[in-house]
């Protein structure tokens, strides 16, 4: 099994439980770690024989547009859509990072992985 990682997908979105988060929004980062078999792509140099990074990006971008209270929910949606839409993915891990979460303290970021 081979691995393809698309890391640091930057998205501005409006997730969170607070009303201000829905109105103001903030920066997020998404990392996608996929397992696949790209033996044929490595031999033939054909994009159709591997995972198209642009398709991964578009799925992430679309799911990040759909507002959720929890980044756990967003991560699940991203994972499910990647597995549904890209047959070459054998397994996937999605990490969603929220920067400067509204907390009563100085916290740089929180993240979830699914």
C-alpha atoms as a PDB file:
ATOM      1  CA  UNK A   1       0.000   0.000   0.000  1.00  0.00           C
ATOM      2  CA  UNK A   2       1.224   3.509  -0.833  1.00  0.00           C
ATOM      3  CA  UNK A   3       0.478   6.838   0.793  1.00  0.00           C
ATOM      4  CA  UNK A   4      -0.519  10.169  -0.719  1.00  0.00           C
ATOM      5  CA  UNK A   5      -0.849  13.161   1.585  1.00  0.00           C
ATOM      6  CA  UNK A   6      -2.446  16.497   0.743  1.00  0.00           C
ATOM      7  CA  UNK A   7      -1.505  18.773   3.623  1.00  0.00           C
ATOM      8  CA  UNK A   8      -2.193  22.350   4.572  1.00  0.00           C
ATOM      9  CA  UNK A   9      -5.366  22.962   2.580  1.00  0.00           C
ATOM     10  CA  UNK A  10      -6.214  26.507   3.694  1.00  0.00           C
ATOM     11  CA  UNK A  11      -9.890  27.389   3.908  1.00  0.00           C
ATOM     12  CA  UNK A  12     -11.849  30.273   5.386  1.00  0.00           C
ATOM     13  CA  UNK A  13     -15.058  28.891   6.910  1.00  0.00           C
ATOM     14  CA  UNK A  14     -17.816  29.573   9.416  1.00  0.00           C
ATOM     15  CA  UNK A  15     -17.906  26.589  11.794  1.00  0.00           C
ATOM     16  CA  UNK A  16     -18.479  26.769  15.518  1.00  0.00           C
ATOM     17  CA  UNK A  17     -21.095  26.802  18.240  1.00  0.00           C
ATOM     18  CA  UNK A  18     -20.965  30.548  18.792  1.00  0.00           C
ATOM     19  CA  UNK A  19     -23.072  32.996  16.804  1.00  0.00           C
ATOM     20  CA  UNK A  20     -19.996  35.169  16.139  1.00  0.00           C
ATOM     21  CA  UNK A  21     -18.214  32.251  14.478  1.00  0.00           C
ATOM     22  CA  UNK A  22     -21.089  31.846  12.049  1.00  0.00           C
ATOM     23  CA  UNK A  23     -20.977  35.537  11.220  1.00  0.00           C
ATOM     24  CA  UNK A  24     -17.246  36.319  11.216  1.00  0.00           C
ATOM     25  CA  UNK A  25     -15.646  33.004  10.264  1.00  0.00           C
ATOM     26  CA  UNK A  26     -11.974  32.119  10.524  1.00  0.00           C
ATOM     27  CA  UNK A  27      -9.053  30.263   8.987  1.00  0.00           C
ATOM     28  CA  UNK A  28      -8.900  26.473   8.977  1.00  0.00           C
ATOM     29  CA  UNK A  29      -6.384  23.976   7.699  1.00  0.00           C
ATOM     30  CA  UNK A  30      -7.193  20.480   6.464  1.00  0.00           C
ATOM     31  CA  UNK A  31      -4.752  17.606   6.005  1.00  0.00           C
ATOM     32  CA  UNK A  32      -5.741  14.456   4.121  1.00  0.00           C
ATOM     33  CA  UNK A  33      -3.701  11.244   4.455  1.00  0.00           C
ATOM     34  CA  UNK A  34      -4.685   8.536   1.971  1.00  0.00           C
ATOM     35  CA  UNK A  35      -3.642   4.958   1.345  1.00  0.00           C
ATOM     36  CA  UNK A  36      -3.847   3.672  -2.200  1.00  0.00           C
ATOM     37  CA  UNK A  37      -1.985   1.535  -4.703  1.00  0.00           C
ATOM     38  CA  UNK A  38      -0.270   3.782  -7.234  1.00  0.00           C
ATOM     39  CA  UNK A  39       1.993   1.098  -8.724  1.00  0.00           C
ATOM     40  CA  UNK A  40       0.474   1.507 -12.180  1.00  0.00           C
ATOM     41  CA  UNK A  41       0.677   5.315 -12.030  1.00  0.00           C
ATOM     42  CA  UNK A  42       4.339   5.119 -11.039  1.00  0.00           C
ATOM     43  CA  UNK A  43       5.013   2.887 -14.047  1.00  0.00           C
ATOM     44  CA  UNK A  44       2.865   4.647 -16.660  1.00  0.00           C
ATOM     45  CA  UNK A  45       2.994   8.306 -15.535  1.00  0.00           C
ATOM     46  CA  UNK A  46      -0.811   8.473 -16.025  1.00  0.00           C
ATOM     47  CA  UNK A  47      -2.903  10.660 -13.693  1.00  0.00           C
ATOM     48  CA  UNK A  48      -5.936   8.420 -14.215  1.00  0.00           C
ATOM     49  CA  UNK A  49      -4.076   5.622 -12.400  1.00  0.00           C
ATOM     50  CA  UNK A  50      -3.754   7.506  -9.099  1.00  0.00           C
ATOM     51  CA  UNK A  51      -5.562   9.998  -6.871  1.00  0.00           C
ATOM     52  CA  UNK A  52      -6.082  13.450  -8.379  1.00  0.00           C
ATOM     53  CA  UNK A  53      -5.034  16.027  -5.753  1.00  0.00           C
ATOM     54  CA  UNK A  54      -7.341  18.604  -7.326  1.00  0.00           C
ATOM     55  CA  UNK A  55     -10.345  16.365  -6.725  1.00  0.00           C
ATOM     56  CA  UNK A  56      -9.302  15.959  -3.078  1.00  0.00           C
ATOM     57  CA  UNK A  57      -9.031  19.747  -2.763  1.00  0.00           C
ATOM     58  CA  UNK A  58     -12.474  20.313  -4.313  1.00  0.00           C
ATOM     59  CA  UNK A  59     -14.139  17.803  -1.974  1.00  0.00           C
ATOM     60  CA  UNK A  60     -12.515  19.423   1.066  1.00  0.00           C
ATOM     61  CA  UNK A  61     -13.446  22.920  -0.122  1.00  0.00           C
ATOM     62  CA  UNK A  62     -17.074  21.934  -0.731  1.00  0.00           C
ATOM     63  CA  UNK A  63     -17.481  20.263   2.660  1.00  0.00           C
ATOM     64  CA  UNK A  64     -15.815  23.173   4.470  1.00  0.00           C
ATOM     65  CA  UNK A  65     -18.405  25.520   2.887  1.00  0.00           C
ATOM     66  CA  UNK A  66     -21.223  23.652   4.627  1.00  0.00           C
ATOM     67  CA  UNK A  67     -21.491  25.131   8.110  1.00  0.00           C
ATOM     68  CA  UNK A  68     -21.334  22.872  11.167  1.00  0.00           C
ATOM     69  CA  UNK A  69     -21.195  23.536  14.881  1.00  0.00           C
ATOM     70  CA  UNK A  70     -18.373  21.025  15.337  1.00  0.00           C
ATOM     71  CA  UNK A  71     -15.203  20.402  13.337  1.00  0.00           C
ATOM     72  CA  UNK A  72     -15.701  16.722  14.242  1.00  0.00           C
ATOM     73  CA  UNK A  73     -18.792  16.782  12.029  1.00  0.00           C
ATOM     74  CA  UNK A  74     -16.944  18.503   9.183  1.00  0.00           C
ATOM     75  CA  UNK A  75     -14.092  15.963   9.354  1.00  0.00           C
ATOM     76  CA  UNK A  76     -16.567  13.065   9.142  1.00  0.00           C
ATOM     77  CA  UNK A  77     -18.267  14.584   6.085  1.00  0.00           C
ATOM     78  CA  UNK A  78     -14.940  15.132   4.339  1.00  0.00           C
ATOM     79  CA  UNK A  79     -13.848  11.548   5.020  1.00  0.00           C
ATOM     80  CA  UNK A  80     -17.137  10.041   3.848  1.00  0.00           C
ATOM     81  CA  UNK A  81     -17.172  12.069   0.626  1.00  0.00           C
ATOM     82  CA  UNK A  82     -13.548  11.262  -0.195  1.00  0.00           C
ATOM     83  CA  UNK A  83     -14.228   7.532   0.187  1.00  0.00           C
ATOM     84  CA  UNK A  84     -17.467   7.786  -1.807  1.00  0.00           C
ATOM     85  CA  UNK A  85     -16.106   9.873  -4.691  1.00  0.00           C
ATOM     86  CA  UNK A  86     -12.569   8.537  -5.145  1.00  0.00           C
ATOM     87  CA  UNK A  87     -12.496   4.788  -5.665  1.00  0.00           C
ATOM     88  CA  UNK A  88      -8.689   4.576  -5.534  1.00  0.00           C
ATOM     89  CA  UNK A  89      -8.641   5.527  -1.833  1.00  0.00           C
ATOM     90  CA  UNK A  90      -8.303   2.389   0.286  1.00  0.00           C
ATOM     91  CA  UNK A  91      -8.255   4.255   3.606  1.00  0.00           C
ATOM     92  CA  UNK A  92      -8.115   7.898   4.636  1.00  0.00           C
ATOM     93  CA  UNK A  93      -7.390  10.035   7.676  1.00  0.00           C
ATOM     94  CA  UNK A  94      -8.630  13.620   7.786  1.00  0.00           C
ATOM     95  CA  UNK A  95      -7.305  16.280  10.155  1.00  0.00           C
ATOM     96  CA  UNK A  96      -9.203  19.558  10.539  1.00  0.00           C
ATOM     97  CA  UNK A  97      -7.441  22.377  12.406  1.00  0.00           C
ATOM     98  CA  UNK A  98      -9.192  25.478  13.735  1.00  0.00           C
ATOM     99  CA  UNK A  99      -6.930  28.436  14.488  1.00  0.00           C
ATOM    100  CA  UNK A 100      -7.438  30.780  17.436  1.00  0.00           C
ATOM    101  CA  UNK A 101     -10.515  29.044  18.849  1.00  0.00           C
ATOM    102  CA  UNK A 102     -12.721  31.282  20.985  1.00  0.00           C
ATOM    103  CA  UNK A 103     -11.734  30.109  24.464  1.00  0.00           C
ATOM    104  CA  UNK A 104     -11.042  31.734  27.795  1.00  0.00           C
ATOM    105  CA  UNK A 105      -7.303  31.445  27.267  1.00  0.00           C
ATOM    106  CA  UNK A 106      -4.502  31.759  24.773  1.00  0.00           C
ATOM    107  CA  UNK A 107      -4.889  28.705  22.514  1.00  0.00           C
ATOM    108  CA  UNK A 108      -3.242  28.722  19.105  1.00  0.00           C
ATOM    109  CA  UNK A 109      -5.290  25.935  17.536  1.00  0.00           C
ATOM    110  CA  UNK A 110      -7.395  22.857  18.075  1.00  0.00           C
ATOM    111  CA  UNK A 111      -7.638  19.922  15.699  1.00  0.00           C
ATOM    112  CA  UNK A 112      -9.506  16.671  15.235  1.00  0.00           C
ATOM    113  CA  UNK A 113      -8.534  13.572  13.282  1.00  0.00           C
ATOM    114  CA  UNK A 114     -10.863  10.924  11.951  1.00  0.00           C
END
